[in-house]
Amino acid sequence: MKRLSEKEWRELTRREYQRDALQLLENGETSPRIIRDLFGISRSTLWRWRKRYRRFGLAGLSATPQNRKRRVTAEIEAEILKIRKERGYGPQRIQLYLKRFHGIVVSSSTVWNTLRRNKMPALYMTRYNKPARIALRRYVKSHPGETIQMDVKFIRNPSSPRRKLFQFTAVDDCTRYRVIRICPRNTTRNAIDFFETVKQIFPAKIREVQTDNGPESTTEFGFHLTQQQVKHRLIRPRTPRLNGKVERSHRTDEQEFYSRQTFSDESDLIQKLASWEKHYNQDRVHMALGGKTPEEVLSEKLSTELEGRPVTLQGD
């Protein structure tokens, strides 16, 4: 005789439980209210059992769904896996990407189930998934250019592995719009030149620049910002979370760009980084922006402010 598994025993016990309740109900000798109290079930559950029992018999009382949902098509599943491998997106971002660029509407849980079924590895390292030790107060500035977060990322020089290059990054706190440049040295002069580049590219007036206490953020850099009528805000030492938006963008660079690209030399790196910057601003959907791109949010903010009041543009 075959030995029943634990799951089969639970299912058998459940069916006997339901059968006893329904026999009392069908006999008509016991009121439904007493049956509900005796078996500890709700009114809706009792009538649902009776409906299934009369239609399908005892087999209809099984906890296993009779009509399983169909999986996504093979084409959609292949596209989900392709996006995960090429772009390193999570379920929610894959869902938004499919809807935006392919017109395919699926739920994020469907994407997650597809990734799990195909045994796709986790995206991020464990240290990024640990909860914060303190409760963080998140904020978003209301206007473009109100605060620009700047930081420097060290990267390997493909032309000379023993030397480093420095990625200067500026992120608008309001729209997440980014400007990226590669410099051979991390100096105040390069930081000033980078700020002038950001000033020329960004369409709204920059009112504040927020940096850490790195070697590029010297008093000379602060004086230059003051001359440009821009406030310089230094975050507290050893608190990179206060510059969280630019720090998070560097993590995105590492996960979605540097770890997925190879570079023949420094020129190749600069060329591919320019394409990545364009993709980040114009094509990459952002969860913090409700599935929109930084360029879309920037355009919306500028249009809204133009309707309500004049926007101060660079040079005004």
C-alpha atoms as a PDB file:
ATOM      1  CA  MET A   1       0.000   0.000   0.000  1.00  0.00           C
ATOM      2  CA  LYS A   2       1.331   3.400  -0.990  1.00  0.00           C
ATOM      3  CA  ARG A   3       2.246   5.648   1.906  1.00  0.00           C
ATOM      4  CA  LEU A   4       0.573   9.041   1.769  1.00  0.00           C
ATOM      5  CA  SER A   5       2.700  12.155   1.917  1.00  0.00           C
ATOM      6  CA  GLU A   6       2.113  14.905   4.449  1.00  0.00           C
ATOM      7  CA  LYS A   7       0.457  17.045   1.765  1.00  0.00           C
ATOM      8  CA  GLU A   8      -1.850  14.175   0.764  1.00  0.00           C
ATOM      9  CA  TRP A   9      -2.784  13.592   4.421  1.00  0.00           C
ATOM     10  CA  ARG A  10      -3.657  17.277   4.834  1.00  0.00           C
ATOM     11  CA  GLU A  11      -5.763  17.194   1.657  1.00  0.00           C
ATOM     12  CA  LEU A  12      -7.562  14.016   2.793  1.00  0.00           C
ATOM     13  CA  THR A  13      -8.287  15.468   6.228  1.00  0.00           C
ATOM     14  CA  ARG A  14      -9.555  18.670   4.653  1.00  0.00           C
ATOM     15  CA  ARG A  15     -11.937  16.789   2.342  1.00  0.00           C
ATOM     16  CA  GLU A  16     -13.325  14.750   5.241  1.00  0.00           C
ATOM     17  CA  TYR A  17     -13.809  17.967   7.186  1.00  0.00           C
ATOM     18  CA  GLN A  18     -15.708  19.527   4.280  1.00  0.00           C
ATOM     19  CA  ARG A  19     -17.696  16.336   3.637  1.00  0.00           C
ATOM     20  CA  ASP A  20     -18.949  16.180   7.233  1.00  0.00           C
ATOM     21  CA  ALA A  21     -20.041  19.827   7.122  1.00  0.00           C
ATOM     22  CA  LEU A  22     -21.864  19.369   3.824  1.00  0.00           C
ATOM     23  CA  GLN A  23     -23.604  16.171   4.930  1.00  0.00           C
ATOM     24  CA  LEU A  24     -25.087  18.011   7.891  1.00  0.00           C
ATOM     25  CA  LEU A  25     -26.144  20.840   5.594  1.00  0.00           C
ATOM     26  CA  GLU A  26     -27.695  18.572   2.952  1.00  0.00           C
ATOM     27  CA  ASN A  27     -29.590  16.503   5.527  1.00  0.00           C
ATOM     28  CA  GLY A  28     -31.354  19.658   6.659  1.00  0.00           C
ATOM     29  CA  GLU A  29     -31.438  18.538  10.273  1.00  0.00           C
ATOM     30  CA  THR A  30     -28.919  21.172  11.435  1.00  0.00           C
ATOM     31  CA  SER A  31     -29.156  24.872  10.732  1.00  0.00           C
ATOM     32  CA  PRO A  32     -26.350  26.518   8.690  1.00  0.00           C
ATOM     33  CA  ARG A  33     -25.602  28.807  11.616  1.00  0.00           C
ATOM     34  CA  ILE A  34     -24.881  25.892  13.948  1.00  0.00           C
ATOM     35  CA  ILE A  35     -22.756  24.215  11.242  1.00  0.00           C
ATOM     36  CA  ARG A  36     -20.696  27.380  10.816  1.00  0.00           C
ATOM     37  CA  ASP A  37     -20.118  27.649  14.557  1.00  0.00           C
ATOM     38  CA  LEU A  38     -19.342  23.934  14.855  1.00  0.00           C
ATOM     39  CA  PHE A  39     -16.758  23.900  12.062  1.00  0.00           C
ATOM     40  CA  GLY A  40     -15.458  27.452  12.551  1.00  0.00           C
ATOM     41  CA  ILE A  41     -16.120  28.674   9.027  1.00  0.00           C
ATOM     42  CA  SER A  42     -17.803  31.736   7.598  1.00  0.00           C
ATOM     43  CA  ARG A  43     -21.163  31.849   5.861  1.00  0.00           C
ATOM     44  CA  SER A  44     -19.624  32.563   2.461  1.00  0.00           C
ATOM     45  CA  THR A  45     -17.228  29.617   2.827  1.00  0.00           C
ATOM     46  CA  LEU A  46     -20.054  27.205   3.642  1.00  0.00           C
ATOM     47  CA  TRP A  47     -22.168  28.239   0.637  1.00  0.00           C
ATOM     48  CA  ARG A  48     -19.107  28.156  -1.626  1.00  0.00           C
ATOM     49  CA  TRP A  49     -18.415  24.563  -0.533  1.00  0.00           C
ATOM     50  CA  ARG A  50     -22.027  23.585  -1.203  1.00  0.00           C
ATOM     51  CA  LYS A  51     -21.950  25.173  -4.647  1.00  0.00           C
ATOM     52  CA  ARG A  52     -18.762  23.279  -5.614  1.00  0.00           C
ATOM     53  CA  TYR A  53     -20.034  20.046  -4.089  1.00  0.00           C
ATOM     54  CA  ARG A  54     -23.296  20.136  -6.045  1.00  0.00           C
ATOM     55  CA  ARG A  55     -21.481  20.915  -9.276  1.00  0.00           C
ATOM     56  CA  PHE A  56     -18.346  18.772  -9.090  1.00  0.00           C
ATOM     57  CA  GLY A  57     -18.810  16.440  -6.142  1.00  0.00           C
ATOM     58  CA  LEU A  58     -16.049  15.856  -3.596  1.00  0.00           C
ATOM     59  CA  ALA A  59     -13.406  16.459  -6.309  1.00  0.00           C
ATOM     60  CA  GLY A  60     -14.562  20.063  -6.544  1.00  0.00           C
ATOM     61  CA  LEU A  61     -13.556  20.702  -2.946  1.00  0.00           C
ATOM     62  CA  SER A  62      -9.842  20.266  -3.667  1.00  0.00           C
ATOM     63  CA  ALA A  63      -7.608  23.173  -2.669  1.00  0.00           C
ATOM     64  CA  THR A  64      -5.813  22.915  -6.032  1.00  0.00           C
ATOM     65  CA  PRO A  65      -7.170  25.433  -8.563  1.00  0.00           C
ATOM     66  CA  GLN A  66      -9.198  23.751 -11.287  1.00  0.00           C
ATOM     67  CA  ASN A  67      -8.239  26.352 -13.892  1.00  0.00           C
ATOM     68  CA  ARG A  68      -4.556  27.218 -13.751  1.00  0.00           C
ATOM     69  CA  LYS A  69      -3.443  30.489 -15.220  1.00  0.00           C
ATOM     70  CA  ARG A  70      -1.548  30.135 -18.448  1.00  0.00           C
ATOM     71  CA  ARG A  71       2.089  31.131 -18.602  1.00  0.00           C
ATOM     72  CA  VAL A  72       3.264  33.953 -20.780  1.00  0.00           C
ATOM     73  CA  THR A  73       4.083  33.036 -24.352  1.00  0.00           C
ATOM     74  CA  ALA A  74       7.514  31.747 -25.266  1.00  0.00           C
ATOM     75  CA  GLU A  75       8.265  35.020 -27.104  1.00  0.00           C
ATOM     76  CA  ILE A  76       7.453  37.168 -24.061  1.00  0.00           C
ATOM     77  CA  GLU A  77       9.411  34.848 -21.770  1.00  0.00           C
ATOM     78  CA  ALA A  78      12.429  35.070 -24.080  1.00  0.00           C
ATOM     79  CA  GLU A  79      12.162  38.881 -24.089  1.00  0.00           C
ATOM     80  CA  ILE A  80      12.008  38.977 -20.276  1.00  0.00           C
ATOM     81  CA  LEU A  81      15.146  36.845 -20.000  1.00  0.00           C
ATOM     82  CA  LYS A  82      16.899  38.919 -22.666  1.00  0.00           C
ATOM     83  CA  ILE A  83      16.215  42.184 -20.821  1.00  0.00           C
ATOM     84  CA  ARG A  84      17.412  40.657 -17.555  1.00  0.00           C
ATOM     85  CA  LYS A  85      20.668  39.394 -19.075  1.00  0.00           C
ATOM     86  CA  GLU A  86      21.472  42.470 -21.170  1.00  0.00           C
ATOM     87  CA  ARG A  87      20.277  45.251 -18.857  1.00  0.00           C
ATOM     88  CA  GLY A  88      20.216  43.706 -15.397  1.00  0.00           C
ATOM     89  CA  TYR A  89      16.715  44.986 -14.600  1.00  0.00           C
ATOM     90  CA  GLY A  90      14.507  43.752 -11.766  1.00  0.00           C
ATOM     91  CA  PRO A  91      10.885  42.573 -12.192  1.00  0.00           C
ATOM     92  CA  GLN A  92       9.227  45.996 -11.856  1.00  0.00           C
ATOM     93  CA  ARG A  93      11.611  47.717 -14.248  1.00  0.00           C
ATOM     94  CA  ILE A  94      11.278  44.860 -16.758  1.00  0.00           C
ATOM     95  CA  GLN A  95       7.501  45.262 -16.540  1.00  0.00           C
ATOM     96  CA  LEU A  96       7.757  48.988 -17.299  1.00  0.00           C
ATOM     97  CA  TYR A  97      10.282  48.399 -20.080  1.00  0.00           C
ATOM     98  CA  LEU A  98       8.047  45.836 -21.818  1.00  0.00           C
ATOM     99  CA  LYS A  99       5.051  48.156 -21.657  1.00  0.00           C
ATOM    100  CA  ARG A 100       6.980  51.213 -22.798  1.00  0.00           C
ATOM    101  CA  PHE A 101       9.076  49.829 -25.650  1.00  0.00           C
ATOM    102  CA  HIS A 102       7.217  46.666 -26.725  1.00  0.00           C
ATOM    103  CA  GLY A 103       3.596  47.376 -25.834  1.00  0.00           C
ATOM    104  CA  ILE A 104       3.486  44.179 -23.745  1.00  0.00           C
ATOM    105  CA  VAL A 105       1.415  44.352 -20.558  1.00  0.00           C
ATOM    106  CA  VAL A 106       2.347  41.834 -17.860  1.00  0.00           C
ATOM    107  CA  SER A 107       2.412  42.093 -14.074  1.00  0.00           C
ATOM    108  CA  SER A 108       5.640  42.360 -12.105  1.00  0.00           C
ATOM    109  CA  SER A 109       4.732  39.104 -10.299  1.00  0.00           C
ATOM    110  CA  THR A 110       4.527  37.355 -13.679  1.00  0.00           C
ATOM    111  CA  VAL A 111       7.981  38.655 -14.539  1.00  0.00           C
ATOM    112  CA  TRP A 112       9.288  37.521 -11.155  1.00  0.00           C
ATOM    113  CA  ASN A 113       7.815  34.047 -11.595  1.00  0.00           C
ATOM    114  CA  THR A 114       9.365  33.811 -15.063  1.00  0.00           C
ATOM    115  CA  LEU A 115      12.797  34.743 -13.705  1.00  0.00           C
ATOM    116  CA  ARG A 116      12.480  32.293 -10.820  1.00  0.00           C
ATOM    117  CA  ARG A 117      11.270  29.485 -13.084  1.00  0.00           C
ATOM    118  CA  ASN A 118      14.332  29.972 -15.291  1.00  0.00           C
ATOM    119  CA  LYS A 119      16.603  30.120 -12.212  1.00  0.00           C
ATOM    120  CA  MET A 120      18.011  33.556 -12.990  1.00  0.00           C
ATOM    121  CA  PRO A 121      20.561  34.623 -10.346  1.00  0.00           C
ATOM    122  CA  ALA A 122      19.901  37.510  -7.974  1.00  0.00           C
ATOM    123  CA  LEU A 123      20.960  40.939  -9.164  1.00  0.00           C
ATOM    124  CA  TYR A 124      22.608  42.607  -6.227  1.00  0.00           C
ATOM    125  CA  MET A 125      25.193  41.726  -3.667  1.00  0.00           C
ATOM    126  CA  THR A 126      23.941  40.894  -0.183  1.00  0.00           C
ATOM    127  CA  ARG A 127      25.520  43.949   1.430  1.00  0.00           C
ATOM    128  CA  TYR A 128      23.189  46.207  -0.563  1.00  0.00           C
ATOM    129  CA  ASN A 129      20.117  44.370   0.726  1.00  0.00           C
ATOM    130  CA  LYS A 130      20.811  44.860   4.422  1.00  0.00           C
ATOM    131  CA  PRO A 131      18.364  47.197   6.188  1.00  0.00           C
ATOM    132  CA  ALA A 132      19.614  50.599   7.260  1.00  0.00           C
ATOM    133  CA  ARG A 133      20.758  50.911  10.867  1.00  0.00           C
ATOM    134  CA  ILE A 134      18.833  54.143  11.267  1.00  0.00           C
ATOM    135  CA  ALA A 135      15.559  55.371   9.800  1.00  0.00           C
ATOM    136  CA  LEU A 136      16.347  57.492   6.753  1.00  0.00           C
ATOM    137  CA  ARG A 137      14.322  60.577   5.937  1.00  0.00           C
ATOM    138  CA  ARG A 138      13.886  60.674   2.176  1.00  0.00           C
ATOM    139  CA  TYR A 139      13.209  63.868   0.287  1.00  0.00           C
ATOM    140  CA  VAL A 140      12.945  65.189  -3.264  1.00  0.00           C
ATOM    141  CA  LYS A 141      13.477  68.792  -4.284  1.00  0.00           C
ATOM    142  CA  SER A 142      10.540  70.504  -5.976  1.00  0.00           C
ATOM    143  CA  HIS A 143      12.260  72.394  -8.783  1.00  0.00           C
ATOM    144  CA  PRO A 144      14.932  71.499 -11.372  1.00  0.00           C
ATOM    145  CA  GLY A 145      18.306  72.968 -10.474  1.00  0.00           C
ATOM    146  CA  GLU A 146      17.314  73.593  -6.861  1.00  0.00           C
ATOM    147  CA  THR A 147      20.073  71.188  -5.763  1.00  0.00           C
ATOM    148  CA  ILE A 148      22.669  69.379  -7.861  1.00  0.00           C
ATOM    149  CA  GLN A 149      24.455  66.496  -6.149  1.00  0.00           C
ATOM    150  CA  MET A 150      28.043  66.031  -7.333  1.00  0.00           C
ATOM    151  CA  ASP A 151      30.484  63.235  -6.622  1.00  0.00           C
ATOM    152  CA  VAL A 152      33.504  61.438  -8.063  1.00  0.00           C
ATOM    153  CA  LYS A 153      33.783  57.713  -8.847  1.00  0.00           C
ATOM    154  CA  PHE A 154      37.129  55.952  -9.280  1.00  0.00           C
ATOM    155  CA  ILE A 155      37.324  53.636 -12.281  1.00  0.00           C
ATOM    156  CA  ARG A 156      40.035  51.515 -13.857  1.00  0.00           C
ATOM    157  CA  ASN A 157      41.889  52.965 -16.827  1.00  0.00           C
ATOM    158  CA  PRO A 158      41.569  50.438 -19.710  1.00  0.00           C
ATOM    159  CA  SER A 159      44.675  51.896 -21.397  1.00  0.00           C
ATOM    160  CA  SER A 160      46.780  51.504 -18.261  1.00  0.00           C
ATOM    161  CA  PRO A 161      45.406  49.175 -15.550  1.00  0.00           C
ATOM    162  CA  ARG A 162      47.768  50.612 -12.920  1.00  0.00           C
ATOM    163  CA  ARG A 163      46.308  54.076 -13.366  1.00  0.00           C
ATOM    164  CA  LYS A 164      42.883  55.321 -12.346  1.00  0.00           C
ATOM    165  CA  LEU A 165      40.417  57.534 -14.083  1.00  0.00           C
ATOM    166  CA  PHE A 166      37.851  59.678 -12.348  1.00  0.00           C
ATOM    167  CA  GLN A 167      34.185  59.878 -13.286  1.00  0.00           C
ATOM    168  CA  PHE A 168      32.697  63.228 -12.303  1.00  0.00           C
ATOM    169  CA  THR A 169      28.917  62.886 -11.884  1.00  0.00           C
ATOM    170  CA  ALA A 170      26.214  65.491 -11.328  1.00  0.00           C
ATOM    171  CA  VAL A 171      22.593  64.512 -10.566  1.00  0.00           C
ATOM    172  CA  ASP A 172      19.672  66.902 -10.342  1.00  0.00           C
ATOM    173  CA  ASP A 173      17.871  66.134  -7.094  1.00  0.00           C
ATOM    174  CA  CYS A 174      14.437  66.888  -8.569  1.00  0.00           C
ATOM    175  CA  THR A 175      14.537  65.046 -11.914  1.00  0.00           C
ATOM    176  CA  ARG A 176      17.517  62.631 -11.590  1.00  0.00           C
ATOM    177  CA  TYR A 177      18.924  64.118 -14.811  1.00  0.00           C
ATOM    178  CA  ARG A 178      22.647  63.336 -14.968  1.00  0.00           C
ATOM    179  CA  VAL A 179      25.797  64.697 -16.515  1.00  0.00           C
ATOM    180  CA  ILE A 180      28.928  62.485 -16.585  1.00  0.00           C
ATOM    181  CA  ARG A 181      32.499  63.248 -17.617  1.00  0.00           C
ATOM    182  CA  ILE A 182      35.804  61.368 -17.364  1.00  0.00           C
ATOM    183  CA  CYS A 183      38.882  63.198 -16.067  1.00  0.00           C
ATOM    184  CA  PRO A 184      42.450  61.945 -15.682  1.00  0.00           C
ATOM    185  CA  ARG A 185      42.868  63.521 -12.241  1.00  0.00           C
ATOM    186  CA  ASN A 186      40.661  64.344  -9.275  1.00  0.00           C
ATOM    187  CA  THR A 187      41.529  68.020  -8.863  1.00  0.00           C
ATOM    188  CA  THR A 188      39.717  71.232  -8.022  1.00  0.00           C
ATOM    189  CA  ARG A 189      40.413  72.562 -11.516  1.00  0.00           C
ATOM    190  CA  ASN A 190      38.687  69.585 -13.088  1.00  0.00           C
ATOM    191  CA  ALA A 191      35.777  69.971 -10.659  1.00  0.00           C
ATOM    192  CA  ILE A 192      35.372  73.622 -11.700  1.00  0.00           C
ATOM    193  CA  ASP A 193      35.527  72.728 -15.396  1.00  0.00           C
ATOM    194  CA  PHE A 194      32.977  69.976 -14.818  1.00  0.00           C
ATOM    195  CA  PHE A 195      30.609  72.377 -13.075  1.00  0.00           C
ATOM    196  CA  GLU A 196      30.851  74.758 -16.043  1.00  0.00           C
ATOM    197  CA  THR A 197      29.965  71.831 -18.338  1.00  0.00           C
ATOM    198  CA  VAL A 198      26.947  70.976 -16.197  1.00  0.00           C
ATOM    199  CA  LYS A 199      25.921  74.617 -16.169  1.00  0.00           C
ATOM    200  CA  GLN A 200      25.959  74.749 -19.973  1.00  0.00           C
ATOM    201  CA  ILE A 201      24.014  71.501 -20.400  1.00  0.00           C
ATOM    202  CA  PHE A 202      21.349  71.824 -17.714  1.00  0.00           C
ATOM    203  CA  PRO A 203      18.449  73.994 -18.939  1.00  0.00           C
ATOM    204  CA  ALA A 204      17.399  75.509 -15.580  1.00  0.00           C
ATOM    205  CA  LYS A 205      19.419  77.775 -13.321  1.00  0.00           C
ATOM    206  CA  ILE A 206      21.495  75.886 -10.764  1.00  0.00           C
ATOM    207  CA  ARG A 207      20.964  77.307  -7.291  1.00  0.00           C
ATOM    208  CA  GLU A 208      22.901  74.869  -5.097  1.00  0.00           C
ATOM    209  CA  VAL A 209      25.633  72.240  -5.494  1.00  0.00           C
ATOM    210  CA  GLN A 210      25.962  69.567  -2.830  1.00  0.00           C
ATOM    211  CA  THR A 211      29.206  67.606  -2.482  1.00  0.00           C
ATOM    212  CA  ASP A 212      31.088  65.504   0.014  1.00  0.00           C
ATOM    213  CA  ASN A 213      34.381  66.602   1.549  1.00  0.00           C
ATOM    214  CA  GLY A 214      36.594  65.102  -1.169  1.00  0.00           C
ATOM    215  CA  PRO A 215      39.851  66.662  -2.357  1.00  0.00           C
ATOM    216  CA  GLU A 216      38.095  68.273  -5.316  1.00  0.00           C
ATOM    217  CA  SER A 217      35.625  70.182  -3.089  1.00  0.00           C
ATOM    218  CA  THR A 218      38.109  72.716  -1.819  1.00  0.00           C
ATOM    219  CA  THR A 219      37.636  76.320  -0.779  1.00  0.00           C
ATOM    220  CA  GLU A 220      38.637  77.374  -4.290  1.00  0.00           C
ATOM    221  CA  PHE A 221      35.745  75.341  -5.700  1.00  0.00           C
ATOM    222  CA  GLY A 222      33.393  76.956  -3.191  1.00  0.00           C
ATOM    223  CA  PHE A 223      34.642  80.443  -4.152  1.00  0.00           C
ATOM    224  CA  HIS A 224      33.997  79.696  -7.811  1.00  0.00           C
ATOM    225  CA  LEU A 225      30.407  78.668  -7.042  1.00  0.00           C
ATOM    226  CA  THR A 226      29.910  81.816  -4.967  1.00  0.00           C
ATOM    227  CA  GLN A 227      31.063  83.933  -7.900  1.00  0.00           C
ATOM    228  CA  GLN A 228      28.458  82.160 -10.037  1.00  0.00           C
ATOM    229  CA  GLN A 229      25.793  82.923  -7.385  1.00  0.00           C
ATOM    230  CA  VAL A 230      25.478  79.231  -6.560  1.00  0.00           C
ATOM    231  CA  LYS A 231      25.408  77.972  -2.995  1.00  0.00           C
ATOM    232  CA  HIS A 232      27.911  75.251  -2.034  1.00  0.00           C
ATOM    233  CA  ARG A 233      26.639  72.752   0.532  1.00  0.00           C
ATOM    234  CA  LEU A 234      29.084  70.280   2.087  1.00  0.00           C
ATOM    235  CA  ILE A 235      27.559  67.171   3.656  1.00  0.00           C
ATOM    236  CA  ARG A 236      28.738  65.914   7.028  1.00  0.00           C
ATOM    237  CA  PRO A 237      31.914  63.790   6.947  1.00  0.00           C
ATOM    238  CA  ARG A 238      31.422  60.022   6.589  1.00  0.00           C
ATOM    239  CA  THR A 239      27.719  60.337   5.664  1.00  0.00           C
ATOM    240  CA  PRO A 240      27.508  59.392   1.956  1.00  0.00           C
ATOM    241  CA  ARG A 241      23.767  58.705   2.400  1.00  0.00           C
ATOM    242  CA  LEU A 242      23.239  62.475   2.430  1.00  0.00           C
ATOM    243  CA  ASN A 243      24.397  62.464  -1.185  1.00  0.00           C
ATOM    244  CA  GLY A 244      22.307  59.377  -1.786  1.00  0.00           C
ATOM    245  CA  LYS A 245      20.986  60.102  -5.276  1.00  0.00           C
ATOM    246  CA  VAL A 246      24.395  60.483  -6.896  1.00  0.00           C
ATOM    247  CA  GLU A 247      25.765  57.565  -4.850  1.00  0.00           C
ATOM    248  CA  ARG A 248      22.875  55.390  -6.018  1.00  0.00           C
ATOM    249  CA  SER A 249      23.513  56.412  -9.617  1.00  0.00           C
ATOM    250  CA  HIS A 250      27.120  55.207  -9.247  1.00  0.00           C
ATOM    251  CA  ARG A 251      25.829  51.841  -8.087  1.00  0.00           C
ATOM    252  CA  THR A 252      23.619  51.746 -11.196  1.00  0.00           C
ATOM    253  CA  ASP A 253      26.688  52.536 -13.322  1.00  0.00           C
ATOM    254  CA  GLU A 254      28.513  49.595 -11.814  1.00  0.00           C
ATOM    255  CA  GLN A 255      25.642  47.131 -12.185  1.00  0.00           C
ATOM    256  CA  GLU A 256      24.268  48.108 -15.583  1.00  0.00           C
ATOM    257  CA  PHE A 257      27.265  49.602 -17.408  1.00  0.00           C
ATOM    258  CA  TYR A 258      30.772  48.818 -16.168  1.00  0.00           C
ATOM    259  CA  SER A 259      30.056  45.190 -15.269  1.00  0.00           C
ATOM    260  CA  ARG A 260      28.504  44.565 -18.721  1.00  0.00           C
ATOM    261  CA  GLN A 261      30.977  46.358 -20.977  1.00  0.00           C
ATOM    262  CA  THR A 262      34.546  45.875 -22.125  1.00  0.00           C
ATOM    263  CA  PHE A 263      36.756  48.759 -23.223  1.00  0.00           C
ATOM    264  CA  SER A 264      39.702  48.637 -25.590  1.00  0.00           C
ATOM    265  CA  ASP A 265      41.156  51.958 -24.457  1.00  0.00           C
ATOM    266  CA  GLU A 266      40.266  55.249 -22.793  1.00  0.00           C
ATOM    267  CA  SER A 267      38.670  56.682 -25.933  1.00  0.00           C
ATOM    268  CA  ASP A 268      36.400  53.651 -26.221  1.00  0.00           C
ATOM    269  CA  LEU A 269      35.388  54.097 -22.567  1.00  0.00           C
ATOM    270  CA  ILE A 270      34.513  57.767 -23.075  1.00  0.00           C
ATOM    271  CA  GLN A 271      32.488  56.999 -26.200  1.00  0.00           C
ATOM    272  CA  LYS A 272      30.479  54.203 -24.553  1.00  0.00           C
ATOM    273  CA  LEU A 273      29.970  56.273 -21.416  1.00  0.00           C
ATOM    274  CA  ALA A 274      28.432  59.049 -23.510  1.00  0.00           C
ATOM    275  CA  SER A 275      25.959  56.544 -24.960  1.00  0.00           C
ATOM    276  CA  TRP A 276      25.193  55.266 -21.468  1.00  0.00           C
ATOM    277  CA  GLU A 277      24.566  58.819 -20.239  1.00  0.00           C
ATOM    278  CA  LYS A 278      22.102  59.378 -23.089  1.00  0.00           C
ATOM    279  CA  HIS A 279      20.365  56.071 -22.357  1.00  0.00           C
ATOM    280  CA  TYR A 280      20.156  56.880 -18.627  1.00  0.00           C
ATOM    281  CA  ASN A 281      18.523  60.257 -19.243  1.00  0.00           C
ATOM    282  CA  GLN A 282      16.294  59.482 -22.214  1.00  0.00           C
ATOM    283  CA  ASP A 283      15.431  55.759 -22.258  1.00  0.00           C
ATOM    284  CA  ARG A 284      15.999  54.112 -18.876  1.00  0.00           C
ATOM    285  CA  VAL A 285      12.831  54.014 -16.789  1.00  0.00           C
ATOM    286  CA  HIS A 286      13.283  55.010 -13.145  1.00  0.00           C
ATOM    287  CA  MET A 287      11.268  53.495 -10.319  1.00  0.00           C
ATOM    288  CA  ALA A 288      11.687  56.664  -8.221  1.00  0.00           C
ATOM    289  CA  LEU A 289      10.123  58.663 -11.068  1.00  0.00           C
ATOM    290  CA  GLY A 290       7.088  56.414 -11.460  1.00  0.00           C
ATOM    291  CA  GLY A 291       8.450  54.637 -14.535  1.00  0.00           C
ATOM    292  CA  LYS A 292       9.397  57.835 -16.369  1.00  0.00           C
ATOM    293  CA  THR A 293      12.814  58.938 -17.623  1.00  0.00           C
ATOM    294  CA  PRO A 294      14.726  61.916 -16.184  1.00  0.00           C
ATOM    295  CA  GLU A 295      14.307  63.816 -19.431  1.00  0.00           C
ATOM    296  CA  GLU A 296      10.524  63.336 -19.346  1.00  0.00           C
ATOM    297  CA  VAL A 297      10.285  64.570 -15.760  1.00  0.00           C
ATOM    298  CA  LEU A 298      12.557  67.510 -16.543  1.00  0.00           C
ATOM    299  CA  SER A 299      10.380  68.517 -19.499  1.00  0.00           C
ATOM    300  CA  GLU A 300       7.207  68.200 -17.413  1.00  0.00           C
ATOM    301  CA  LYS A 301       8.653  70.283 -14.578  1.00  0.00           C
ATOM    302  CA  LEU A 302       9.848  73.022 -16.915  1.00  0.00           C
ATOM    303  CA  SER A 303       6.514  73.096 -18.768  1.00  0.00           C
ATOM    304  CA  THR A 304       4.561  73.304 -15.511  1.00  0.00           C
ATOM    305  CA  GLU A 305       6.708  76.107 -14.175  1.00  0.00           C
ATOM    306  CA  LEU A 306       6.470  77.996 -17.461  1.00  0.00           C
ATOM    307  CA  GLU A 307       2.679  77.892 -17.186  1.00  0.00           C
ATOM    308  CA  GLY A 308       2.691  79.065 -13.564  1.00  0.00           C
ATOM    309  CA  ARG A 309       5.640  81.466 -13.435  1.00  0.00           C
ATOM    310  CA  PRO A 310       8.765  82.267 -15.445  1.00  0.00           C
ATOM    311  CA  VAL A 311      11.574  79.732 -15.207  1.00  0.00           C
ATOM    312  CA  THR A 312      15.003  81.165 -14.636  1.00  0.00           C
ATOM    313  CA  LEU A 313      17.229  79.745 -17.344  1.00  0.00           C
ATOM    314  CA  GLN A 314      21.017  79.737 -17.395  1.00  0.00           C
ATOM    315  CA  GLY A 315      22.426  83.136 -18.231  1.00  0.00           C
ATOM    316  CA  ASP A 316      19.300  85.100 -17.159  1.00  0.00           C
END
